[in-house]
Amino acid sequence: MNEQEKASAPQDQEMWRPRSAIETGALGRCPRCGTGHIFHGFLTVRDRCEVCGLDYSFADPADGPAVFVQLFACVPGVIFIVMLEILARPGLWVHIAVGIPVLILTTVLPLRPIKGWLIAAQYVNKAQEAGTAQLWAKLHGDAAERNSNR
């Protein structure tokens, strides 16, 4: 983003209508403007939104996406493969031809929408670790700083 775009990017939080984390994050859109992108590549988080200039330094989904994928996506994939063995007893080549694509589809594809949702949820809910109130005050203006002093 060049200097002119940074200068023209509105910094006032009140200029942006509130958006749900699911509406923006699952689609990989900026949680503030809903137009810009969260990701550069498949899972790499951008430094800032190319449309509104939101700084994504607050975003830290950590292992959250992987945990959700393991708990809610991998289990049905593994159950499918086990049931295939129990009910049909196919050869090894069928397990390789069917099982590997099923596991890839149920593990890799959900990572991006889940990571986007977690990043957007952090923004929408103003989630922060202890001691990061100054960062939120910088990102959200004086209102966040007043709330942290209460």
Foldseek 3Di string as FASTA:
>chain_A
DDPVQVVPQDQAQVVFDQDALLQQQLVQHDRGHSHFGQDDPQAHGDQAGSHRGQGLPQQDCDCVLQVCLVVPQQVVLVVVLVVCCVPPVDDPVVCVVPNVVSNCCSHVVSSRSRSSSRSSCCVNVVDHDPPCLVVVCVRHPPVSVVVVVD
